[in-house]
Every structure is written in C-alpha cells, then in structure tokens.
Amino acid sequence: MAAVVVRKRSGMPPVVDPNVIPFIDVLLVLLIIFMVTAPKPTTDLRIDMPRPGVTRPMALPPTIVAIRQTGDAVQIFVDNEQVDAADLPQRTLAHLQTANPSLTADDALASAHIFVRADLDVSYQRVVSVVDALQQARFDHVAIAAQQA
C-alpha cells in the first residue's frame, strides 16, 4: 500500500480557529431577551404639589425707566414719574411695591422686568450708569430698550 500525500494548493496550513460568529449571534439574542424582560427601574420622587387654594402670582408688567436729555441736564423717569439719579433704585422699588402691594422687596427685585429707554441725545455712558445703578440694587432683569430702524 502506498501512502497518499494530499497537498493544498496554497501551501498554507489549515485554519483550525473556532468559528465565533454563531456564538456572538446567540449572545446578542440573549442580551435582547434580557433587556426586554428586565423590569424597568422606577424612582420615587418627592413632589410638593400646589394646594387647590394657592394661585400663582401674575407676571408683573414691565417698568420703563426713561432717560431724556434737555439741554445740559438729564432727566430720569420711572413710568412717567421724574426721579433723581441718586434715588433711582429706591424709587423704582417703591414704584413696584405701590403698583403691586402684595410683593415683598425681594420678590420685586427678582421678578420685575425693567427696560431702560433713552433719547438719541443721551450719551451711552449715562445709559450704562443707570443700568449699573439698577443692577447694583439687585434688580435681576434690567435691559436696554431699542426702537426698530
């Protein structure tokens, strides 16, 4: 009897690594099954719900601070009421509390929207000084109003 030697065409040794593709397919199917059947985590949040008799405070209408140049003098108005520059934060707060008596000073400072409007003749430095005075008095929402061209 003669021994028969079979030669491969490429001359490379046979591949003996296990085929892992079916194993990965099975693992992915098991992962999907566990994801679908696992209970969804729930968290308990403590929520303080408003009581039926409590109403939300209404939004305050915006307060307009106008700056007008008359000759060399500058006039400042809080909703058409002339005020001195030194008294501007106190008079603005007093105006807000007069218009809304139920507001405390802290609520008025936090929720009031103040728009600073100036004439074209007023210098930008003057407008910025008025805005800074209001912001240093702890008014949270101060903006410069502009007209469309």
C-alpha atoms as a PDB file:
ATOM      1  CA  MET A   1       0.000   0.000   0.000  1.00  0.00           C
ATOM      2  CA  ALA A   2       1.204   3.324  -0.870  1.00  0.00           C
ATOM      3  CA  ALA A   3       0.698   6.429   1.238  1.00  0.00           C
ATOM      4  CA  VAL A   4      -1.095   9.200  -0.469  1.00  0.00           C
ATOM      5  CA  VAL A   5       0.006  12.740   0.344  1.00  0.00           C
ATOM      6  CA  VAL A   6      -2.523  15.427  -0.321  1.00  0.00           C
ATOM      7  CA  ARG A   7      -1.090  18.806  -0.984  1.00  0.00           C
ATOM      8  CA  LYS A   8      -3.007  22.004  -0.644  1.00  0.00           C
ATOM      9  CA  ARG A   9      -2.916  24.415  -3.458  1.00  0.00           C
ATOM     10  CA  SER A  10      -1.941  27.434  -1.429  1.00  0.00           C
ATOM     11  CA  GLY A  11       0.561  25.681   0.722  1.00  0.00           C
ATOM     12  CA  MET A  12      -0.837  27.197   3.930  1.00  0.00           C
ATOM     13  CA  PRO A  13      -1.773  25.155   6.974  1.00  0.00           C
ATOM     14  CA  PRO A  14      -5.487  24.556   7.530  1.00  0.00           C
ATOM     15  CA  VAL A  15      -7.437  27.061   9.647  1.00  0.00           C
ATOM     16  CA  VAL A  16      -8.297  25.457  12.967  1.00  0.00           C
ATOM     17  CA  ASP A  17      -9.688  28.517  14.837  1.00  0.00           C
ATOM     18  CA  PRO A  18     -13.211  28.078  16.198  1.00  0.00           C
ATOM     19  CA  ASN A  19     -15.936  29.973  14.376  1.00  0.00           C
ATOM     20  CA  VAL A  20     -17.259  32.529  16.882  1.00  0.00           C
ATOM     21  CA  ILE A  21     -19.921  34.131  14.670  1.00  0.00           C
ATOM     22  CA  PRO A  22     -22.722  31.777  15.814  1.00  0.00           C
ATOM     23  CA  PHE A  23     -21.629  32.274  19.430  1.00  0.00           C
ATOM     24  CA  ILE A  24     -21.903  36.065  19.071  1.00  0.00           C
ATOM     25  CA  ASP A  25     -25.341  35.691  17.471  1.00  0.00           C
ATOM     26  CA  VAL A  26     -26.558  33.631  20.426  1.00  0.00           C
ATOM     27  CA  LEU A  27     -25.154  36.168  22.907  1.00  0.00           C
ATOM     28  CA  LEU A  28     -26.870  39.066  21.144  1.00  0.00           C
ATOM     29  CA  VAL A  29     -30.198  37.232  21.150  1.00  0.00           C
ATOM     30  CA  LEU A  30     -29.819  36.505  24.876  1.00  0.00           C
ATOM     31  CA  LEU A  31     -28.927  40.148  25.530  1.00  0.00           C
ATOM     32  CA  ILE A  32     -32.051  41.332  23.729  1.00  0.00           C
ATOM     33  CA  ILE A  33     -34.210  38.838  25.639  1.00  0.00           C
ATOM     34  CA  PHE A  34     -32.811  40.031  28.985  1.00  0.00           C
ATOM     35  CA  MET A  35     -33.255  43.683  28.031  1.00  0.00           C
ATOM     36  CA  VAL A  36     -36.899  43.142  27.100  1.00  0.00           C
ATOM     37  CA  THR A  37     -37.798  41.033  30.116  1.00  0.00           C
ATOM     38  CA  ALA A  38     -35.894  43.030  32.740  1.00  0.00           C
ATOM     39  CA  PRO A  39     -38.103  45.280  34.878  1.00  0.00           C
ATOM     40  CA  LYS A  40     -37.746  48.950  34.229  1.00  0.00           C
ATOM     41  CA  PRO A  41     -36.223  50.814  37.175  1.00  0.00           C
ATOM     42  CA  THR A  42     -38.555  53.202  38.905  1.00  0.00           C
ATOM     43  CA  THR A  43     -37.557  56.059  41.126  1.00  0.00           C
ATOM     44  CA  ASP A  44     -39.718  57.707  43.694  1.00  0.00           C
ATOM     45  CA  LEU A  45     -39.572  61.475  43.554  1.00  0.00           C
ATOM     46  CA  ARG A  46     -40.918  63.634  46.307  1.00  0.00           C
ATOM     47  CA  ILE A  47     -43.031  66.329  44.691  1.00  0.00           C
ATOM     48  CA  ASP A  48     -44.747  69.085  46.591  1.00  0.00           C
ATOM     49  CA  MET A  49     -47.926  69.655  44.628  1.00  0.00           C
ATOM     50  CA  PRO A  50     -49.657  73.025  44.958  1.00  0.00           C
ATOM     51  CA  ARG A  51     -52.756  73.074  47.082  1.00  0.00           C
ATOM     52  CA  PRO A  52     -56.065  73.891  45.383  1.00  0.00           C
ATOM     53  CA  GLY A  53     -56.440  77.308  47.013  1.00  0.00           C
ATOM     54  CA  VAL A  54     -52.963  78.582  46.086  1.00  0.00           C
ATOM     55  CA  THR A  55     -52.686  80.723  42.970  1.00  0.00           C
ATOM     56  CA  ARG A  56     -49.537  81.581  41.084  1.00  0.00           C
ATOM     57  CA  PRO A  57     -48.524  85.226  41.153  1.00  0.00           C
ATOM     58  CA  MET A  58     -49.208  87.019  37.920  1.00  0.00           C
ATOM     59  CA  ALA A  59     -46.309  88.307  35.885  1.00  0.00           C
ATOM     60  CA  LEU A  60     -45.526  91.922  36.553  1.00  0.00           C
ATOM     61  CA  PRO A  61     -45.881  94.381  33.696  1.00  0.00           C
ATOM     62  CA  PRO A  62     -42.534  95.824  32.634  1.00  0.00           C
ATOM     63  CA  THR A  63     -41.341  99.032  34.245  1.00  0.00           C
ATOM     64  CA  ILE A  64     -39.980 101.670  31.869  1.00  0.00           C
ATOM     65  CA  VAL A  65     -37.094 103.859  33.013  1.00  0.00           C
ATOM     66  CA  ALA A  66     -36.774 106.707  30.521  1.00  0.00           C
ATOM     67  CA  ILE A  67     -33.753 108.977  30.199  1.00  0.00           C
ATOM     68  CA  ARG A  68     -34.279 112.330  28.474  1.00  0.00           C
ATOM     69  CA  GLN A  69     -31.718 114.958  27.576  1.00  0.00           C
ATOM     70  CA  THR A  70     -32.942 118.548  27.995  1.00  0.00           C
ATOM     71  CA  GLY A  71     -30.126 120.935  27.175  1.00  0.00           C
ATOM     72  CA  ASP A  72     -27.268 120.103  29.531  1.00  0.00           C
ATOM     73  CA  ALA A  73     -29.480 118.385  32.092  1.00  0.00           C
ATOM     74  CA  VAL A  74     -30.532 114.747  32.078  1.00  0.00           C
ATOM     75  CA  GLN A  75     -33.948 113.762  33.415  1.00  0.00           C
ATOM     76  CA  ILE A  76     -34.804 110.234  34.566  1.00  0.00           C
ATOM     77  CA  PHE A  77     -38.394 108.995  34.697  1.00  0.00           C
ATOM     78  CA  VAL A  78     -39.821 105.809  36.216  1.00  0.00           C
ATOM     79  CA  ASP A  79     -43.083 105.128  34.396  1.00  0.00           C
ATOM     80  CA  ASN A  80     -43.542 108.852  33.609  1.00  0.00           C
ATOM     81  CA  GLU A  81     -42.643 109.981  37.154  1.00  0.00           C
ATOM     82  CA  GLN A  82     -39.470 112.062  37.378  1.00  0.00           C
ATOM     83  CA  VAL A  83     -36.856 110.846  39.875  1.00  0.00           C
ATOM     84  CA  ASP A  84     -33.340 111.883  40.859  1.00  0.00           C
ATOM     85  CA  ALA A  85     -30.443 109.723  39.690  1.00  0.00           C
ATOM     86  CA  ALA A  86     -29.336 109.096  43.282  1.00  0.00           C
ATOM     87  CA  ASP A  87     -32.815 107.902  44.302  1.00  0.00           C
ATOM     88  CA  LEU A  88     -33.445 105.776  41.201  1.00  0.00           C
ATOM     89  CA  PRO A  89     -33.162 102.264  42.759  1.00  0.00           C
ATOM     90  CA  GLN A  90     -35.223 103.164  45.836  1.00  0.00           C
ATOM     91  CA  ARG A  91     -37.897 104.980  43.823  1.00  0.00           C
ATOM     92  CA  THR A  92     -38.092 102.126  41.305  1.00  0.00           C
ATOM     93  CA  LEU A  93     -38.581  99.608  44.113  1.00  0.00           C
ATOM     94  CA  ALA A  94     -41.172 101.859  45.779  1.00  0.00           C
ATOM     95  CA  HIS A  95     -42.985 102.217  42.443  1.00  0.00           C
ATOM     96  CA  LEU A  96     -43.097  98.427  42.025  1.00  0.00           C
ATOM     97  CA  GLN A  97     -44.388  97.886  45.555  1.00  0.00           C
ATOM     98  CA  THR A  98     -47.013 100.606  45.118  1.00  0.00           C
ATOM     99  CA  ALA A  99     -48.253  99.021  41.908  1.00  0.00           C
ATOM    100  CA  ASN A 100     -48.222  95.521  43.495  1.00  0.00           C
ATOM    101  CA  PRO A 101     -48.777  95.775  47.277  1.00  0.00           C
ATOM    102  CA  SER A 102     -48.570  92.014  47.806  1.00  0.00           C
ATOM    103  CA  LEU A 103     -44.914  91.908  46.676  1.00  0.00           C
ATOM    104  CA  THR A 104     -42.078  91.876  49.143  1.00  0.00           C
ATOM    105  CA  ALA A 105     -38.895  93.739  48.295  1.00  0.00           C
ATOM    106  CA  ASP A 106     -37.056  90.513  47.412  1.00  0.00           C
ATOM    107  CA  ASP A 107     -39.898  89.359  45.146  1.00  0.00           C
ATOM    108  CA  ALA A 108     -39.955  92.708  43.384  1.00  0.00           C
ATOM    109  CA  LEU A 109     -36.193  92.631  42.843  1.00  0.00           C
ATOM    110  CA  ALA A 110     -36.319  89.098  41.448  1.00  0.00           C
ATOM    111  CA  SER A 111     -39.407  89.290  39.261  1.00  0.00           C
ATOM    112  CA  ALA A 112     -39.552  92.872  37.956  1.00  0.00           C
ATOM    113  CA  HIS A 113     -38.604  93.474  34.324  1.00  0.00           C
ATOM    114  CA  ILE A 114     -37.106  96.921  33.857  1.00  0.00           C
ATOM    115  CA  PHE A 115     -36.492  98.424  30.423  1.00  0.00           C
ATOM    116  CA  VAL A 116     -34.192 101.426  30.173  1.00  0.00           C
ATOM    117  CA  ARG A 117     -35.112 103.657  27.247  1.00  0.00           C
ATOM    118  CA  ALA A 118     -33.080 106.733  26.307  1.00  0.00           C
ATOM    119  CA  ASP A 119     -33.296 109.579  23.812  1.00  0.00           C
ATOM    120  CA  LEU A 120     -30.815 109.694  20.945  1.00  0.00           C
ATOM    121  CA  ASP A 121     -29.067 112.686  22.518  1.00  0.00           C
ATOM    122  CA  VAL A 122     -28.267 110.842  25.766  1.00  0.00           C
ATOM    123  CA  SER A 123     -24.702 109.547  25.981  1.00  0.00           C
ATOM    124  CA  TYR A 124     -24.154 105.817  26.165  1.00  0.00           C
ATOM    125  CA  GLN A 125     -22.174 106.282  29.373  1.00  0.00           C
ATOM    126  CA  ARG A 126     -25.251 107.791  31.051  1.00  0.00           C
ATOM    127  CA  VAL A 127     -27.420 104.840  29.974  1.00  0.00           C
ATOM    128  CA  VAL A 128     -24.855 102.352  31.273  1.00  0.00           C
ATOM    129  CA  SER A 129     -24.629 104.192  34.598  1.00  0.00           C
ATOM    130  CA  VAL A 130     -28.420 103.924  35.024  1.00  0.00           C
ATOM    131  CA  VAL A 131     -28.362 100.200  34.178  1.00  0.00           C
ATOM    132  CA  ASP A 132     -25.447  99.660  36.590  1.00  0.00           C
ATOM    133  CA  ALA A 133     -27.256 101.507  39.380  1.00  0.00           C
ATOM    134  CA  LEU A 134     -30.297  99.252  38.952  1.00  0.00           C
ATOM    135  CA  GLN A 135     -28.204  96.083  38.795  1.00  0.00           C
ATOM    136  CA  GLN A 136     -26.207  97.065  41.875  1.00  0.00           C
ATOM    137  CA  ALA A 137     -29.527  97.487  43.678  1.00  0.00           C
ATOM    138  CA  ARG A 138     -30.064  93.745  42.880  1.00  0.00           C
ATOM    139  CA  PHE A 139     -32.730  94.085  40.183  1.00  0.00           C
ATOM    140  CA  ASP A 140     -32.372  90.823  38.234  1.00  0.00           C
ATOM    141  CA  HIS A 141     -33.984  91.699  34.897  1.00  0.00           C
ATOM    142  CA  VAL A 142     -32.698  95.004  33.534  1.00  0.00           C
ATOM    143  CA  ALA A 143     -32.492  95.541  29.766  1.00  0.00           C
ATOM    144  CA  ILE A 144     -31.915  98.380  27.341  1.00  0.00           C
ATOM    145  CA  ALA A 145     -34.902  99.038  25.091  1.00  0.00           C
ATOM    146  CA  ALA A 146     -34.307  99.930  21.455  1.00  0.00           C
ATOM    147  CA  GLN A 147     -36.557 101.003  18.622  1.00  0.00           C
ATOM    148  CA  GLN A 148     -36.547  99.283  15.263  1.00  0.00           C
ATOM    149  CA  ALA A 149     -34.940 101.262  12.467  1.00  0.00           C
END
